[in-house]
PDB file of N, CA and C in Angstrom:
ATOM      1  N   GLU A   1      96.828  95.767   6.106  1.00  0.00           N
ATOM      2  CA  GLU A   1      97.811  95.703   5.294  1.00  0.00           C
ATOM      3  C   GLU A   1      98.132  94.207   5.265  1.00  0.00           C
ATOM      4  N   GLY A   2      98.582  93.496   4.401  1.00  0.00           N
ATOM      5  CA  GLY A   2      98.824  92.377   4.404  1.00  0.00           C
ATOM      6  C   GLY A   2      97.761  91.333   4.257  1.00  0.00           C
ATOM      7  N   LYS A   3      97.930  90.096   4.324  1.00  0.00           N
ATOM      8  CA  LYS A   3      96.864  88.861   4.223  1.00  0.00           C
ATOM      9  C   LYS A   3      96.013  89.146   5.220  1.00  0.00           C
ATOM     10  N   LEU A   4      96.191  89.525   6.649  1.00  0.00           N
ATOM     11  CA  LEU A   4      95.490  89.338   7.562  1.00  0.00           C
ATOM     12  C   LEU A   4      94.434  90.989   7.377  1.00  0.00           C
ATOM     13  N   GLY A   5      95.152  91.760   6.967  1.00  0.00           N
ATOM     14  CA  GLY A   5      94.208  93.118   6.519  1.00  0.00           C
ATOM     15  C   GLY A   5      93.119  92.639   5.280  1.00  0.00           C
ATOM     16  N   ALA A   6      93.470  92.165   4.632  1.00  0.00           N
ATOM     17  CA  ALA A   6      92.937  91.596   3.425  1.00  0.00           C
ATOM     18  C   ALA A   6      91.665  90.946   3.687  1.00  0.00           C
ATOM     19  N   ALA A   7      91.985  89.783   4.643  1.00  0.00           N
ATOM     20  CA  ALA A   7      91.104  88.878   4.737  1.00  0.00           C
ATOM     21  C   ALA A   7      89.762  89.610   5.733  1.00  0.00           C
ATOM     22  N   LEU A   8      90.015  90.509   6.786  1.00  0.00           N
ATOM     23  CA  LEU A   8      89.475  91.400   7.450  1.00  0.00           C
ATOM     24  C   LEU A   8      88.349  92.219   6.492  1.00  0.00           C
ATOM     25  N   LYS A   9      89.081  93.009   5.930  1.00  0.00           N
ATOM     26  CA  LYS A   9      88.222  94.049   4.597  1.00  0.00           C
ATOM     27  C   LYS A   9      87.423  92.875   4.249  1.00  0.00           C
ATOM     28  N   ALA A  10      87.662  91.496   3.258  1.00  0.00           N
ATOM     29  CA  ALA A  10      87.023  90.857   2.592  1.00  0.00           C
ATOM     30  C   ALA A  10      85.709  89.869   3.438  1.00  0.00           C
ATOM     31  N   ALA A  11      85.826  90.441   4.678  1.00  0.00           N
ATOM     32  CA  ALA A  11      84.998  89.615   5.516  1.00  0.00           C
ATOM     33  C   ALA A  11      83.670  90.675   5.833  1.00  0.00           C
ATOM     34  N   GLY A  12      84.047  91.922   5.417  1.00  0.00           N
ATOM     35  CA  GLY A  12      83.062  93.332   5.604  1.00  0.00           C
ATOM     36  C   GLY A  12      83.980  93.944   7.058  1.00  0.00           C
ATOM     37  N   PHE A  13      84.923  93.888   7.535  1.00  0.00           N
ATOM     38  CA  PHE A  13      85.264  94.814   8.597  1.00  0.00           C
ATOM     39  C   PHE A  13      85.593  95.770   7.849  1.00  0.00           C
ATOM     40  N   THR A  14      85.363  97.060   8.501  1.00  0.00           N
ATOM     41  CA  THR A  14      86.141  98.505   7.967  1.00  0.00           C
ATOM     42  C   THR A  14      86.519  99.308   8.778  1.00  0.00           C
ATOM     43  N   ASP A  15      86.199  99.202  10.298  1.00  0.00           N
ATOM     44  CA  ASP A  15      86.847 100.212  11.245  1.00  0.00           C
ATOM     45  C   ASP A  15      88.058  99.290  12.389  1.00  0.00           C
ATOM     46  N   ILE A  16      88.457  98.459  11.436  1.00  0.00           N
ATOM     47  CA  ILE A  16      89.813  97.273  12.062  1.00  0.00           C
ATOM     48  C   ILE A  16      91.084  97.657  11.347  1.00  0.00           C
ATOM     49  N   SER A  17      92.293  97.866  12.076  1.00  0.00           N
ATOM     50  CA  SER A  17      93.466  97.938  11.387  1.00  0.00           C
ATOM     51  C   SER A  17      94.117  96.855  12.196  1.00  0.00           C
ATOM     52  N   ALA A  18      94.922  96.342  11.192  1.00  0.00           N
ATOM     53  CA  ALA A  18      95.544  95.110  11.169  1.00  0.00           C
ATOM     54  C   ALA A  18      96.856  95.074  11.036  1.00  0.00           C
ATOM     55  N   GLU A  19      97.998  94.714  12.130  1.00  0.00           N
ATOM     56  CA  GLU A  19      99.060  94.762  11.709  1.00  0.00           C
ATOM     57  C   GLU A  19      99.537  93.059  11.969  1.00  0.00           C
ATOM     58  N   GLU A  20     100.553  92.839  11.057  1.00  0.00           N
ATOM     59  CA  GLU A  20     100.790  91.323  10.946  1.00  0.00           C
ATOM     60  C   GLU A  20     102.129  91.262  11.623  1.00  0.00           C
ATOM     61  N   PHE A  21     102.495  90.432  12.360  1.00  0.00           N
ATOM     62  CA  PHE A  21     103.835  90.014  12.966  1.00  0.00           C
ATOM     63  C   PHE A  21     103.883  88.707  13.222  1.00  0.00           C
ATOM     64  N   THR A  22     105.278  88.025  13.180  1.00  0.00           N
ATOM     65  CA  THR A  22     105.475  86.931  13.637  1.00  0.00           C
ATOM     66  C   THR A  22     106.146  86.878  15.054  1.00  0.00           C
ATOM     67  N   TYR A  23     106.099  85.791  15.186  1.00  0.00           N
ATOM     68  CA  TYR A  23     106.823  85.420  16.595  1.00  0.00           C
ATOM     69  C   TYR A  23     107.287  84.279  17.141  1.00  0.00           C
ATOM     70  N   SER A  24     108.485  83.593  17.697  1.00  0.00           N
ATOM     71  CA  SER A  24     109.147  82.409  17.771  1.00  0.00           C
ATOM     72  C   SER A  24     108.023  81.771  18.947  1.00  0.00           C
ATOM     73  N   THR A  25     108.003  80.628  18.514  1.00  0.00           N
ATOM     74  CA  THR A  25     106.583  79.491  19.236  1.00  0.00           C
ATOM     75  C   THR A  25     107.239  78.173  19.351  1.00  0.00           C
ATOM     76  N   VAL A  26     107.276  77.256  20.565  1.00  0.00           N
ATOM     77  CA  VAL A  26     107.581  76.379  20.843  1.00  0.00           C
ATOM     78  C   VAL A  26     106.708  75.021  21.001  1.00  0.00           C
ATOM     79  N   ILE A  27     106.339  74.106  20.424  1.00  0.00           N
ATOM     80  CA  ILE A  27     105.419  73.230  20.862  1.00  0.00           C
ATOM     81  C   ILE A  27     106.272  72.325  21.549  1.00  0.00           C
ATOM     82  N   PRO A  28     105.695  71.767  22.880  1.00  0.00           N
ATOM     83  CA  PRO A  28     106.505  70.657  23.741  1.00  0.00           C
ATOM     84  C   PRO A  28     106.270  69.030  22.761  1.00  0.00           C
ATOM     85  N   GLY A  29     107.556  68.677  22.944  1.00  0.00           N
ATOM     86  CA  GLY A  29     107.517  67.414  22.189  1.00  0.00           C
ATOM     87  C   GLY A  29     109.150  66.850  22.077  1.00  0.00           C
ATOM     88  N   ASN A  30     109.344  65.897  22.225  1.00  0.00           N
ATOM     89  CA  ASN A  30     110.670  65.009  22.216  1.00  0.00           C
ATOM     90  C   ASN A  30     111.159  64.631  20.992  1.00  0.00           C
ATOM     91  N   SER A  31     109.890  64.804  19.888  1.00  0.00           N
ATOM     92  CA  SER A  31     110.515  64.966  18.592  1.00  0.00           C
ATOM     93  C   SER A  31     109.757  65.716  17.914  1.00  0.00           C
ATOM     94  N   PRO A  32     109.775  65.734  16.560  1.00  0.00           N
ATOM     95  CA  PRO A  32     109.015  66.625  15.761  1.00  0.00           C
ATOM     96  C   PRO A  32     107.457  65.924  15.794  1.00  0.00           C
ATOM     97  N   ARG A  33     107.179  64.604  15.606  1.00  0.00           N
ATOM     98  CA  ARG A  33     106.283  63.860  15.568  1.00  0.00           C
ATOM     99  C   ARG A  33     105.339  63.950  16.968  1.00  0.00           C
ATOM    100  N   ASP A  34     105.995  63.731  17.846  1.00  0.00           N
ATOM    101  CA  ASP A  34     105.227  63.766  19.281  1.00  0.00           C
ATOM    102  C   ASP A  34     104.924  65.683  19.603  1.00  0.00           C
ATOM    103  N   ALA A  35     105.610  66.508  19.105  1.00  0.00           N
ATOM    104  CA  ALA A  35     105.227  67.868  19.234  1.00  0.00           C
ATOM    105  C   ALA A  35     103.820  68.045  18.461  1.00  0.00           C
ATOM    106  N   ALA A  36     104.114  67.372  17.113  1.00  0.00           N
ATOM    107  CA  ALA A  36     102.595  67.525  16.238  1.00  0.00           C
ATOM    108  C   ALA A  36     101.656  66.560  17.194  1.00  0.00           C
ATOM    109  N   LYS A  37     101.800  65.430  17.814  1.00  0.00           N
ATOM    110  CA  LYS A  37     100.441  64.904  18.507  1.00  0.00           C
ATOM    111  C   LYS A  37     100.287  65.897  19.730  1.00  0.00           C
ATOM    112  N   THR A  38     101.040  66.554  20.348  1.00  0.00           N
ATOM    113  CA  THR A  38     100.525  67.486  21.228  1.00  0.00           C
ATOM    114  C   THR A  38      99.994  68.573  21.242  1.00  0.00           C
ATOM    115  N   PHE A  39     100.433  69.123  19.849  1.00  0.00           N
ATOM    116  CA  PHE A  39      99.679  70.343  19.257  1.00  0.00           C
ATOM    117  C   PHE A  39      98.314  69.934  19.011  1.00  0.00           C
ATOM    118  N   LEU A  40      98.049  68.906  18.224  1.00  0.00           N
ATOM    119  CA  LEU A  40      96.913  68.542  17.315  1.00  0.00           C
ATOM    120  C   LEU A  40      95.830  67.942  18.527  1.00  0.00           C
ATOM    121  N   HIS A  41      96.253  67.383  19.455  1.00  0.00           N
ATOM    122  CA  HIS A  41      95.197  66.821  20.351  1.00  0.00           C
ATOM    123  C   HIS A  41      94.881  67.691  21.560  1.00  0.00           C
ATOM    124  N   ALA A  42      95.628  68.986  21.563  1.00  0.00           N
ATOM    125  CA  ALA A  42      95.040  70.236  22.294  1.00  0.00           C
ATOM    126  C   ALA A  42      94.203  71.193  21.445  1.00  0.00           C
ATOM    127  N   THR A  43      93.768  70.618  20.326  1.00  0.00           N
ATOM    128  CA  THR A  43      93.097  71.516  19.512  1.00  0.00           C
ATOM    129  C   THR A  43      91.558  70.799  18.996  1.00  0.00           C
ATOM    130  N   PRO A  44      90.652  71.604  18.410  1.00  0.00           N
ATOM    131  CA  PRO A  44      89.116  71.216  18.106  1.00  0.00           C
ATOM    132  C   PRO A  44      89.795  70.242  16.668  1.00  0.00           C
ATOM    133  N   VAL A  45      90.742  70.680  16.146  1.00  0.00           N
ATOM    134  CA  VAL A  45      91.148  70.095  14.796  1.00  0.00           C
ATOM    135  C   VAL A  45      91.567  68.472  14.860  1.00  0.00           C
ATOM    136  N   GLY A  46      92.286  68.005  16.015  1.00  0.00           N
ATOM    137  CA  GLY A  46      92.594  67.145  16.141  1.00  0.00           C
ATOM    138  C   GLY A  46      91.370  65.985  16.681  1.00  0.00           C
ATOM    139  N   ALA A  47      90.375  66.704  17.565  1.00  0.00           N
ATOM    140  CA  ALA A  47      88.968  65.969  17.905  1.00  0.00           C
ATOM    141  C   ALA A  47      88.415  65.764  16.610  1.00  0.00           C
ATOM    142  N   LYS A  48      88.287  66.748  15.483  1.00  0.00           N
ATOM    143  CA  LYS A  48      87.593  66.597  14.528  1.00  0.00           C
ATOM    144  C   LYS A  48      88.007  65.333  13.467  1.00  0.00           C
ATOM    145  N   LEU A  49      89.523  65.387  13.547  1.00  0.00           N
ATOM    146  CA  LEU A  49      89.983  64.428  12.586  1.00  0.00           C
ATOM    147  C   LEU A  49      90.141  62.878  12.966  1.00  0.00           C
ATOM    148  N   ASN A  50      89.903  62.895  14.238  1.00  0.00           N
ATOM    149  CA  ASN A  50      89.618  61.796  15.222  1.00  0.00           C
ATOM    150  C   ASN A  50      88.282  61.165  14.833  1.00  0.00           C
ATOM    151  N   GLU A  51      87.260  62.189  14.837  1.00  0.00           N
ATOM    152  CA  GLU A  51      85.827  62.357  14.906  1.00  0.00           C
ATOM    153  C   GLU A  51      85.481  61.331  13.302  1.00  0.00           C
ATOM    154  N   HIS A  52      86.092  62.322  12.353  1.00  0.00           N
ATOM    155  CA  HIS A  52      85.794  61.683  10.833  1.00  0.00           C
ATOM    156  C   HIS A  52      86.841  60.709  10.090  1.00  0.00           C
ATOM    157  N   GLY A  53      88.130  60.391  10.777  1.00  0.00           N
ATOM    158  CA  GLY A  53      89.002  59.616  10.003  1.00  0.00           C
ATOM    159  C   GLY A  53      89.482  58.693  11.188  1.00  0.00           C
ATOM    160  N   GLY A  54      89.474  58.790  12.590  1.00  0.00           N
ATOM    161  CA  GLY A  54      90.059  57.879  13.323  1.00  0.00           C
ATOM    162  C   GLY A  54      91.762  57.896  13.327  1.00  0.00           C
ATOM    163  N   GLU A  55      92.299  57.093  14.049  1.00  0.00           N
ATOM    164  CA  GLU A  55      93.742  57.307  14.132  1.00  0.00           C
ATOM    165  C   GLU A  55      94.461  57.105  12.918  1.00  0.00           C
ATOM    166  N   GLU A  56      93.810  56.312  11.766  1.00  0.00           N
ATOM    167  CA  GLU A  56      94.349  56.676  10.232  1.00  0.00           C
ATOM    168  C   GLU A  56      94.528  58.101   9.802  1.00  0.00           C
ATOM    169  N   LEU A  57      93.798  58.731  10.188  1.00  0.00           N
ATOM    170  CA  LEU A  57      93.696  60.195   9.573  1.00  0.00           C
ATOM    171  C   LEU A  57      94.714  61.093  10.607  1.00  0.00           C
ATOM    172  N   LEU A  58      94.320  60.460  11.968  1.00  0.00           N
ATOM    173  CA  LEU A  58      95.343  61.642  12.858  1.00  0.00           C
ATOM    174  C   LEU A  58      96.614  61.108  12.222  1.00  0.00           C
ATOM    175  N   GLU A  59      97.150  59.711  12.205  1.00  0.00           N
ATOM    176  CA  GLU A  59      98.366  59.674  11.806  1.00  0.00           C
ATOM    177  C   GLU A  59      98.889  60.238  10.446  1.00  0.00           C
ATOM    178  N   ALA A  60      98.053  60.433   9.701  1.00  0.00           N
ATOM    179  CA  ALA A  60      98.306  61.181   8.505  1.00  0.00           C
ATOM    180  C   ALA A  60      98.830  62.845   8.824  1.00  0.00           C
ATOM    181  N   ALA A  61      97.476  63.364   9.508  1.00  0.00           N
ATOM    182  CA  ALA A  61      97.586  64.552  10.084  1.00  0.00           C
ATOM    183  C   ALA A  61      99.444  65.029  10.677  1.00  0.00           C
ATOM    184  N   TYR A  62      99.448  63.862  11.630  1.00  0.00           N
ATOM    185  CA  TYR A  62     100.603  64.299  12.360  1.00  0.00           C
ATOM    186  C   TYR A  62     102.040  64.449  11.181  1.00  0.00           C
ATOM    187  N   ASP A  63     101.869  63.387  10.327  1.00  0.00           N
ATOM    188  CA  ASP A  63     103.008  63.562   9.059  1.00  0.00           C
ATOM    189  C   ASP A  63     102.817  64.875   8.624  1.00  0.00           C
ATOM    190  N   ALA A  64     101.668  65.246   8.178  1.00  0.00           N
ATOM    191  CA  ALA A  64     101.689  66.328   7.443  1.00  0.00           C
ATOM    192  C   ALA A  64     102.147  67.912   8.240  1.00  0.00           C
ATOM    193  N   TYR A  65     101.602  67.583   9.466  1.00  0.00           N
ATOM    194  CA  TYR A  65     102.212  68.524  10.069  1.00  0.00           C
ATOM    195  C   TYR A  65     103.730  68.609  10.288  1.00  0.00           C
ATOM    196  N   VAL A  66     104.538  67.636  10.576  1.00  0.00           N
ATOM    197  CA  VAL A  66     106.052  67.441  10.874  1.00  0.00           C
ATOM    198  C   VAL A  66     106.375  67.889   9.973  1.00  0.00           C
ATOM    199  N   GLU A  67     106.040  67.239   8.546  1.00  0.00           N
ATOM    200  CA  GLU A  67     106.584  67.920   7.045  1.00  0.00           C
ATOM    201  C   GLU A  67     106.486  69.574   6.943  1.00  0.00           C
ATOM    202  N   CYS A  68     105.348  69.966   7.175  1.00  0.00           N
ATOM    203  CA  CYS A  68     105.339  71.555   7.235  1.00  0.00           C
ATOM    204  C   CYS A  68     106.180  72.165   7.686  1.00  0.00           C
ATOM    205  N   ALA A  69     106.071  71.821   9.015  1.00  0.00           N
ATOM    206  CA  ALA A  69     106.846  72.491  10.032  1.00  0.00           C
ATOM    207  C   ALA A  69     108.559  72.528   9.599  1.00  0.00           C
ATOM    208  N   MET A  70     109.314  71.188   9.372  1.00  0.00           N
ATOM    209  CA  MET A  70     110.550  70.968   8.865  1.00  0.00           C
ATOM    210  C   MET A  70     110.963  72.135   7.473  1.00  0.00           C
ATOM    211  N   GLU A  71     109.903  72.014   6.805  1.00  0.00           N
ATOM    212  CA  GLU A  71     109.902  72.778   5.425  1.00  0.00           C
ATOM    213  C   GLU A  71     110.164  73.953   5.818  1.00  0.00           C
ATOM    214  N   GLY A  72     109.198  74.498   6.929  1.00  0.00           N
ATOM    215  CA  GLY A  72     109.321  76.125   7.165  1.00  0.00           C
ATOM    216  C   GLY A  72     110.104  76.097   8.174  1.00  0.00           C
ATOM    217  N   GLY A  73     111.502  75.391   8.398  1.00  0.00           N
ATOM    218  CA  GLY A  73     112.610  75.590   9.398  1.00  0.00           C
ATOM    219  C   GLY A  73     112.452  75.684  10.251  1.00  0.00           C
ATOM    220  N   ALA A  74     111.513  74.733  11.170  1.00  0.00           N
ATOM    221  CA  ALA A  74     111.131  74.399  12.503  1.00  0.00           C
ATOM    222  C   ALA A  74     112.569  73.798  13.110  1.00  0.00           C
ATOM    223  N   GLU A  75     112.703  73.902  14.436  1.00  0.00           N
ATOM    224  CA  GLU A  75     114.026  72.968  14.644  1.00  0.00           C
ATOM    225  C   GLU A  75     113.492  72.331  16.191  1.00  0.00           C
ATOM    226  N   MET A  76     114.370  71.257  16.698  1.00  0.00           N
ATOM    227  CA  MET A  76     114.350  71.053  17.978  1.00  0.00           C
ATOM    228  C   MET A  76     114.803  71.625  18.975  1.00  0.00           C
ATOM    229  N   VAL A  77     114.538  71.950  19.943  1.00  0.00           N
ATOM    230  CA  VAL A  77     115.282  72.735  21.094  1.00  0.00           C
ATOM    231  C   VAL A  77     115.000  72.097  22.112  1.00  0.00           C
ATOM    232  N   ASP A  78     116.078  72.450  23.660  1.00  0.00           N
ATOM    233  CA  ASP A  78     115.809  72.242  24.976  1.00  0.00           C
ATOM    234  C   ASP A  78     114.908  72.986  25.308  1.00  0.00           C
ATOM    235  N   MET A  79     113.922  72.121  25.970  1.00  0.00           N
ATOM    236  CA  MET A  79     112.663  73.431  26.854  1.00  0.00           C
ATOM    237  C   MET A  79     113.193  74.267  27.583  1.00  0.00           C
ATOM    238  N   ALA A  80     114.195  73.561  28.337  1.00  0.00           N
ATOM    239  CA  ALA A  80     114.792  74.378  29.596  1.00  0.00           C
ATOM    240  C   ALA A  80     115.321  75.515  29.051  1.00  0.00           C
ATOM    241  N   SER A  81     115.805  75.612  28.125  1.00  0.00           N
ATOM    242  CA  SER A  81     116.437  77.062  27.454  1.00  0.00           C
ATOM    243  C   SER A  81     115.602  77.868  26.763  1.00  0.00           C
ATOM    244  N   ALA A  82     115.152  77.166  25.830  1.00  0.00           N
ATOM    245  CA  ALA A  82     114.377  77.783  24.770  1.00  0.00           C
ATOM    246  C   ALA A  82     112.854  78.441  25.711  1.00  0.00           C
ATOM    247  N   GLU A  83     112.269  77.758  26.209  1.00  0.00           N
ATOM    248  CA  GLU A  83     111.297  78.301  27.521  1.00  0.00           C
ATOM    249  C   GLU A  83     111.274  78.086  28.516  1.00  0.00           C
ATOM    250  N   PRO A  84     112.190  78.809  29.392  1.00  0.00           N
ATOM    251  CA  PRO A  84     112.416  78.381  31.024  1.00  0.00           C
ATOM    252  C   PRO A  84     111.223  78.230  31.977  1.00  0.00           C
ATOM    253  N   GLU A  85     110.114  78.972  31.611  1.00  0.00           N
ATOM    254  CA  GLU A  85     108.934  79.016  32.414  1.00  0.00           C
ATOM    255  C   GLU A  85     108.244  77.565  32.098  1.00  0.00           C
ATOM    256  N   TRP A  86     108.561  76.936  31.189  1.00  0.00           N
ATOM    257  CA  TRP A  86     108.190  75.395  31.317  1.00  0.00           C
ATOM    258  C   TRP A  86     108.935  74.534  32.148  1.00  0.00           C
ATOM    259  N   THR A  87     109.798  74.781  32.295  1.00  0.00           N
ATOM    260  CA  THR A  87     110.567  73.894  33.161  1.00  0.00           C
ATOM    261  C   THR A  87     109.892  73.476  34.511  1.00  0.00           C
ATOM    262  N   GLY A  88     109.632  72.125  34.540  1.00  0.00           N
ATOM    263  CA  GLY A  88     108.918  71.414  35.488  1.00  0.00           C
ATOM    264  C   GLY A  88     107.152  71.641  35.574  1.00  0.00           C
ATOM    265  N   GLN A  89     106.983  72.180  34.626  1.00  0.00           N
ATOM    266  CA  GLN A  89     105.223  72.353  34.559  1.00  0.00           C
ATOM    267  C   GLN A  89     104.853  71.824  33.010  1.00  0.00           C
ATOM    268  N   ASP A  90     103.509  71.015  33.396  1.00  0.00           N
ATOM    269  CA  ASP A  90     103.050  70.319  32.666  1.00  0.00           C
ATOM    270  C   ASP A  90     103.811  69.613  31.472  1.00  0.00           C
ATOM    271  N   LEU A  91     105.216  68.515  32.407  1.00  0.00           N
ATOM    272  CA  LEU A  91     105.673  68.065  31.243  1.00  0.00           C
ATOM    273  C   LEU A  91     106.022  66.651  31.945  1.00  0.00           C
ATOM    274  N   GLU A  92     104.826  66.209  32.311  1.00  0.00           N
ATOM    275  CA  GLU A  92     104.587  64.664  33.226  1.00  0.00           C
ATOM    276  C   GLU A  92     104.762  63.603  32.373  1.00  0.00           C
ATOM    277  N   ARG A  93     104.618  63.669  30.773  1.00  0.00           N
ATOM    278  CA  ARG A  93     105.260  62.376  30.125  1.00  0.00           C
ATOM    279  C   ARG A  93     106.717  62.693  29.658  1.00  0.00           C
ATOM    280  N   GLY A  94     107.564  63.256  30.710  1.00  0.00           N
ATOM    281  CA  GLY A  94     108.834  63.465  30.427  1.00  0.00           C
ATOM    282  C   GLY A  94     109.394  64.155  29.437  1.00  0.00           C
ATOM    283  N   VAL A  95     108.756  65.038  28.992  1.00  0.00           N
ATOM    284  CA  VAL A  95     109.268  66.101  27.729  1.00  0.00           C
ATOM    285  C   VAL A  95     110.241  66.984  28.244  1.00  0.00           C
ATOM    286  N   THR A  96     111.112  67.320  27.323  1.00  0.00           N
ATOM    287  CA  THR A  96     112.539  68.094  27.800  1.00  0.00           C
ATOM    288  C   THR A  96     112.579  68.749  26.484  1.00  0.00           C
ATOM    289  N   ARG A  97     112.276  68.168  25.018  1.00  0.00           N
ATOM    290  CA  ARG A  97     112.356  69.142  24.126  1.00  0.00           C
ATOM    291  C   ARG A  97     111.048  69.856  23.615  1.00  0.00           C
ATOM    292  N   GLY A  98     111.320  70.694  22.762  1.00  0.00           N
ATOM    293  CA  GLY A  98     110.324  71.269  21.974  1.00  0.00           C
ATOM    294  C   GLY A  98     110.594  71.403  20.253  1.00  0.00           C
ATOM    295  N   LEU A  99     109.711  71.478  19.678  1.00  0.00           N
ATOM    296  CA  LEU A  99     109.554  72.292  18.181  1.00  0.00           C
ATOM    297  C   LEU A  99     109.522  73.654  18.222  1.00  0.00           C
ATOM    298  N   ARG A 100     110.322  74.077  18.064  1.00  0.00           N
ATOM    299  CA  ARG A 100     110.351  75.733  17.743  1.00  0.00           C
ATOM    300  C   ARG A 100     110.283  75.878  16.237  1.00  0.00           C
ATOM    301  N   PHE A 101     108.882  77.047  16.071  1.00  0.00           N
ATOM    302  CA  PHE A 101     108.862  77.597  14.972  1.00  0.00           C
ATOM    303  C   PHE A 101     109.415  78.953  14.868  1.00  0.00           C
ATOM    304  N   LYS A 102     110.445  79.172  14.149  1.00  0.00           N
ATOM    305  CA  LYS A 102     110.798  80.529  13.917  1.00  0.00           C
ATOM    306  C   LYS A 102     110.100  81.546  13.664  1.00  0.00           C
ATOM    307  N   ASN A 103     110.577  82.835  13.908  1.00  0.00           N
ATOM    308  CA  ASN A 103     109.964  83.890  13.416  1.00  0.00           C
ATOM    309  C   ASN A 103     110.347  84.700  12.107  1.00  0.00           C
TER     310      ASN A 103
END
């Protein structure tokens, strides 16, 4: 059912059931733009953007990410309360906040 199910059917899958659901997720960053950088640098997309357009394209991608996130209702939250398991973990940049994408 839904977009995921339709995409799987269009790709030729016939014996797979698909159920769509959403869940809240938090991307570490002290600002929406910092979270965008964290996310894009952790994905192959960020590497490809850099490879094909350098810093200028990455800067545009950060802006687009932030715009989409904020238009979609994302909000900045305190990492210690939003995601307690992150407290003290992998936050060497002094990150104490995160961008939460609501479900």
